[in-house]
Structure formats: structure tokens, C-alpha cells
């Protein structure tokens, strides 16, 4: 477990940031997908559909907290 100088757990801080992004995407009405495991190069993904063509694409998101 990684701990910052002020005693804050960095893994917990990352999960809070990821949860905030997830909540905002859901609030915007996006279909959000969570990958199985933590070994991938993205933390979550969502489907973006073109209103005129109906064709969708998957947008991968890597969450970073600063």
C-alpha cells in the first residue's frame, strides 16, 4: 500500500477520483463499462453513439488525481 507524506493512502485517493469521474459520466447519461482487473491501460470506458448514424465507439479513460 502506497502512502503519501501526509499519511493519505494513494490507492484510496485514486479510487475516489475514479468514482467521481464514473458518477459524472453516469449523470451525463453515458453507458459506462468497468474493466475486469487492474492490469489494463485504462480505468473505465464509455460508449459514445453518433445520433445521426447510430454507430457507437468505445472511449477508454485513464483516471489521474493531481
N, C-alpha and C. Protein backbone atom coordinates (compact mmCIF):
# COMPACT_ATOMS: atom_id res chain seq x y z
N UNK A 1 0.84 -1.16 0.00
CA UNK A 1 0.00 0.00 0.00
C UNK A 1 0.89 1.23 0.00
N UNK A 2 0.66 2.12 -0.96
CA UNK A 2 1.43 3.35 -1.06
C UNK A 2 0.81 4.42 -0.17
N UNK A 3 1.67 5.09 0.60
CA UNK A 3 1.20 6.14 1.50
C UNK A 3 1.94 7.42 1.18
N UNK A 4 1.22 8.52 1.09
CA UNK A 4 1.83 9.82 0.83
C UNK A 4 2.40 10.38 2.12
N UNK A 5 3.14 11.47 2.02
CA UNK A 5 3.77 12.10 3.18
C UNK A 5 2.78 12.47 4.28
N UNK A 6 1.61 12.91 3.90
CA UNK A 6 0.62 13.33 4.91
C UNK A 6 -0.18 12.15 5.46
N UNK A 7 0.22 10.92 5.14
CA UNK A 7 -0.45 9.73 5.65
C UNK A 7 -1.62 9.25 4.81
N UNK A 8 -1.90 9.96 3.72
CA UNK A 8 -3.03 9.59 2.86
C UNK A 8 -2.66 8.38 2.00
N UNK A 9 -3.58 7.46 1.87
CA UNK A 9 -3.40 6.27 1.05
C UNK A 9 -3.63 6.66 -0.41
N UNK A 10 -2.60 6.51 -1.26
CA UNK A 10 -2.72 6.94 -2.66
C UNK A 10 -3.70 6.07 -3.44
N UNK A 11 -3.81 4.79 -3.11
CA UNK A 11 -4.76 3.93 -3.80
C UNK A 11 -6.19 4.39 -3.51
N UNK A 12 -6.45 4.76 -2.27
CA UNK A 12 -7.78 5.26 -1.90
C UNK A 12 -8.07 6.58 -2.62
N UNK A 13 -7.09 7.44 -2.70
CA UNK A 13 -7.26 8.73 -3.38
C UNK A 13 -7.59 8.50 -4.87
N UNK A 14 -6.92 7.53 -5.49
CA UNK A 14 -7.19 7.20 -6.88
C UNK A 14 -8.59 6.67 -7.08
N UNK A 15 -9.06 5.82 -6.15
CA UNK A 15 -10.42 5.29 -6.25
C UNK A 15 -11.46 6.39 -6.10
N UNK A 16 -11.19 7.36 -5.24
CA UNK A 16 -12.12 8.47 -5.08
C UNK A 16 -12.22 9.26 -6.38
N UNK A 17 -11.06 9.54 -7.00
CA UNK A 17 -11.06 10.26 -8.27
C UNK A 17 -11.79 9.50 -9.36
N UNK A 18 -11.53 8.21 -9.44
CA UNK A 18 -12.19 7.36 -10.46
C UNK A 18 -13.69 7.33 -10.22
N UNK A 19 -14.12 7.26 -8.98
CA UNK A 19 -15.55 7.23 -8.66
C UNK A 19 -16.22 8.54 -9.04
N UNK A 20 -15.53 9.66 -8.85
CA UNK A 20 -16.10 10.96 -9.23
C UNK A 20 -16.30 11.05 -10.74
N UNK A 21 -15.33 10.55 -11.50
CA UNK A 21 -15.45 10.55 -12.96
C UNK A 21 -16.58 9.62 -13.40
N UNK A 22 -16.65 8.45 -12.80
CA UNK A 22 -17.71 7.50 -13.09
C UNK A 22 -19.08 8.13 -12.82
N UNK A 23 -19.22 8.77 -11.67
CA UNK A 23 -20.50 9.40 -11.32
C UNK A 23 -20.89 10.48 -12.33
N UNK A 24 -19.93 11.28 -12.78
CA UNK A 24 -20.23 12.34 -13.74
C UNK A 24 -20.68 11.76 -15.08
N UNK A 25 -20.00 10.71 -15.53
CA UNK A 25 -20.39 10.07 -16.79
C UNK A 25 -21.80 9.49 -16.71
N UNK A 26 -22.13 8.87 -15.59
CA UNK A 26 -23.48 8.32 -15.40
C UNK A 26 -24.49 9.46 -15.36
N UNK A 27 -24.14 10.56 -14.67
CA UNK A 27 -25.02 11.74 -14.62
C UNK A 27 -25.30 12.28 -16.01
N UNK A 28 -24.31 12.20 -16.90
CA UNK A 28 -24.47 12.67 -18.28
C UNK A 28 -25.21 11.67 -19.16
N UNK A 29 -25.59 10.52 -18.58
CA UNK A 29 -26.35 9.53 -19.33
C UNK A 29 -25.51 8.58 -20.16
N UNK A 30 -24.22 8.49 -19.87
CA UNK A 30 -23.34 7.60 -20.63
C UNK A 30 -23.44 6.17 -20.13
N UNK A 31 -23.28 5.23 -21.05
CA UNK A 31 -23.19 3.82 -20.71
C UNK A 31 -21.74 3.55 -20.33
N UNK A 32 -21.47 3.28 -19.05
CA UNK A 32 -20.09 3.15 -18.55
C UNK A 32 -19.75 1.68 -18.36
N UNK A 33 -18.55 1.32 -18.77
CA UNK A 33 -18.05 -0.04 -18.64
C UNK A 33 -16.82 -0.04 -17.74
N UNK A 34 -16.74 -1.02 -16.84
CA UNK A 34 -15.59 -1.16 -15.96
C UNK A 34 -14.82 -2.42 -16.36
N UNK A 35 -13.51 -2.31 -16.58
CA UNK A 35 -12.73 -3.48 -17.00
C UNK A 35 -12.57 -4.47 -15.85
N UNK A 36 -12.38 -5.71 -16.21
CA UNK A 36 -12.15 -6.75 -15.22
C UNK A 36 -10.67 -6.77 -14.89
N UNK A 37 -10.30 -6.41 -13.67
CA UNK A 37 -8.90 -6.40 -13.25
C UNK A 37 -8.30 -5.01 -13.35
N UNK A 38 -7.11 -4.87 -12.82
CA UNK A 38 -6.45 -3.56 -12.79
C UNK A 38 -5.15 -3.55 -13.60
N UNK A 39 -5.00 -4.47 -14.52
CA UNK A 39 -3.76 -4.59 -15.29
C UNK A 39 -3.85 -3.94 -16.68
N UNK A 40 -4.98 -3.32 -16.99
CA UNK A 40 -5.16 -2.73 -18.31
C UNK A 40 -4.69 -1.27 -18.33
N UNK A 41 -4.60 -0.69 -19.51
CA UNK A 41 -4.10 0.68 -19.65
C UNK A 41 -5.21 1.72 -19.57
N UNK A 42 -6.35 1.34 -19.02
CA UNK A 42 -7.45 2.29 -18.79
C UNK A 42 -8.22 1.85 -17.56
N UNK A 43 -8.92 2.80 -16.94
CA UNK A 43 -9.64 2.54 -15.71
C UNK A 43 -11.14 2.31 -15.93
N UNK A 44 -11.68 2.92 -16.96
CA UNK A 44 -13.08 2.72 -17.32
C UNK A 44 -13.26 3.12 -18.78
N UNK A 45 -14.41 2.82 -19.31
CA UNK A 45 -14.71 3.17 -20.71
C UNK A 45 -16.19 3.52 -20.79
N UNK A 46 -16.53 4.26 -21.83
CA UNK A 46 -17.94 4.55 -22.05
C UNK A 46 -18.22 4.54 -23.55
N UNK A 47 -19.50 4.33 -23.86
CA UNK A 47 -19.93 4.24 -25.25
C UNK A 47 -20.43 5.60 -25.71
N UNK A 48 -19.91 6.06 -26.82
CA UNK A 48 -20.33 7.33 -27.42
C UNK A 48 -20.97 6.99 -28.75
N UNK A 49 -22.27 7.29 -28.90
CA UNK A 49 -23.01 6.94 -30.11
C UNK A 49 -23.31 8.18 -30.92
N UNK A 50 -23.07 8.10 -32.23
CA UNK A 50 -23.39 9.19 -33.15
C UNK A 50 -24.90 9.19 -33.36
N UNK A 51 -25.54 10.32 -33.09
CA UNK A 51 -27.00 10.40 -33.18
C UNK A 51 -27.53 10.21 -34.61
N UNK A 52 -26.78 10.64 -35.60
CA UNK A 52 -27.27 10.55 -36.98
C UNK A 52 -27.06 9.17 -37.59
N UNK A 53 -25.92 8.55 -37.30
CA UNK A 53 -25.63 7.24 -37.90
C UNK A 53 -25.97 6.08 -36.99
N UNK A 54 -26.02 6.33 -35.68
CA UNK A 54 -26.28 5.25 -34.73
C UNK A 54 -25.07 4.40 -34.46
N UNK A 55 -23.93 4.76 -35.05
CA UNK A 55 -22.70 4.00 -34.86
C UNK A 55 -22.04 4.46 -33.56
N UNK A 56 -21.65 3.50 -32.76
CA UNK A 56 -21.02 3.81 -31.48
C UNK A 56 -19.54 3.52 -31.48
N UNK A 57 -18.83 4.19 -30.57
CA UNK A 57 -17.42 3.89 -30.38
C UNK A 57 -17.14 3.86 -28.90
N UNK A 58 -16.14 3.10 -28.52
CA UNK A 58 -15.77 2.94 -27.13
C UNK A 58 -14.66 3.93 -26.80
N UNK A 59 -14.89 4.74 -25.77
CA UNK A 59 -13.91 5.73 -25.32
C UNK A 59 -13.28 5.20 -24.04
N UNK A 60 -11.96 4.96 -24.07
CA UNK A 60 -11.26 4.49 -22.88
C UNK A 60 -10.77 5.68 -22.08
N UNK A 61 -10.84 5.57 -20.74
CA UNK A 61 -10.46 6.66 -19.86
C UNK A 61 -9.47 6.16 -18.81
N UNK A 62 -8.34 6.86 -18.68
CA UNK A 62 -7.40 6.58 -17.59
C UNK A 62 -7.52 7.74 -16.62
N UNK A 63 -7.86 7.44 -15.37
CA UNK A 63 -8.10 8.45 -14.36
C UNK A 63 -6.81 8.78 -13.61
N UNK A 64 -6.54 10.06 -13.46
CA UNK A 64 -5.37 10.53 -12.70
C UNK A 64 -5.82 11.58 -11.72
N UNK A 65 -5.30 11.54 -10.52
CA UNK A 65 -5.62 12.52 -9.49
C UNK A 65 -4.36 13.33 -9.20
N UNK A 66 -4.51 14.65 -9.24
CA UNK A 66 -3.35 15.51 -9.01
C UNK A 66 -3.46 16.29 -7.74
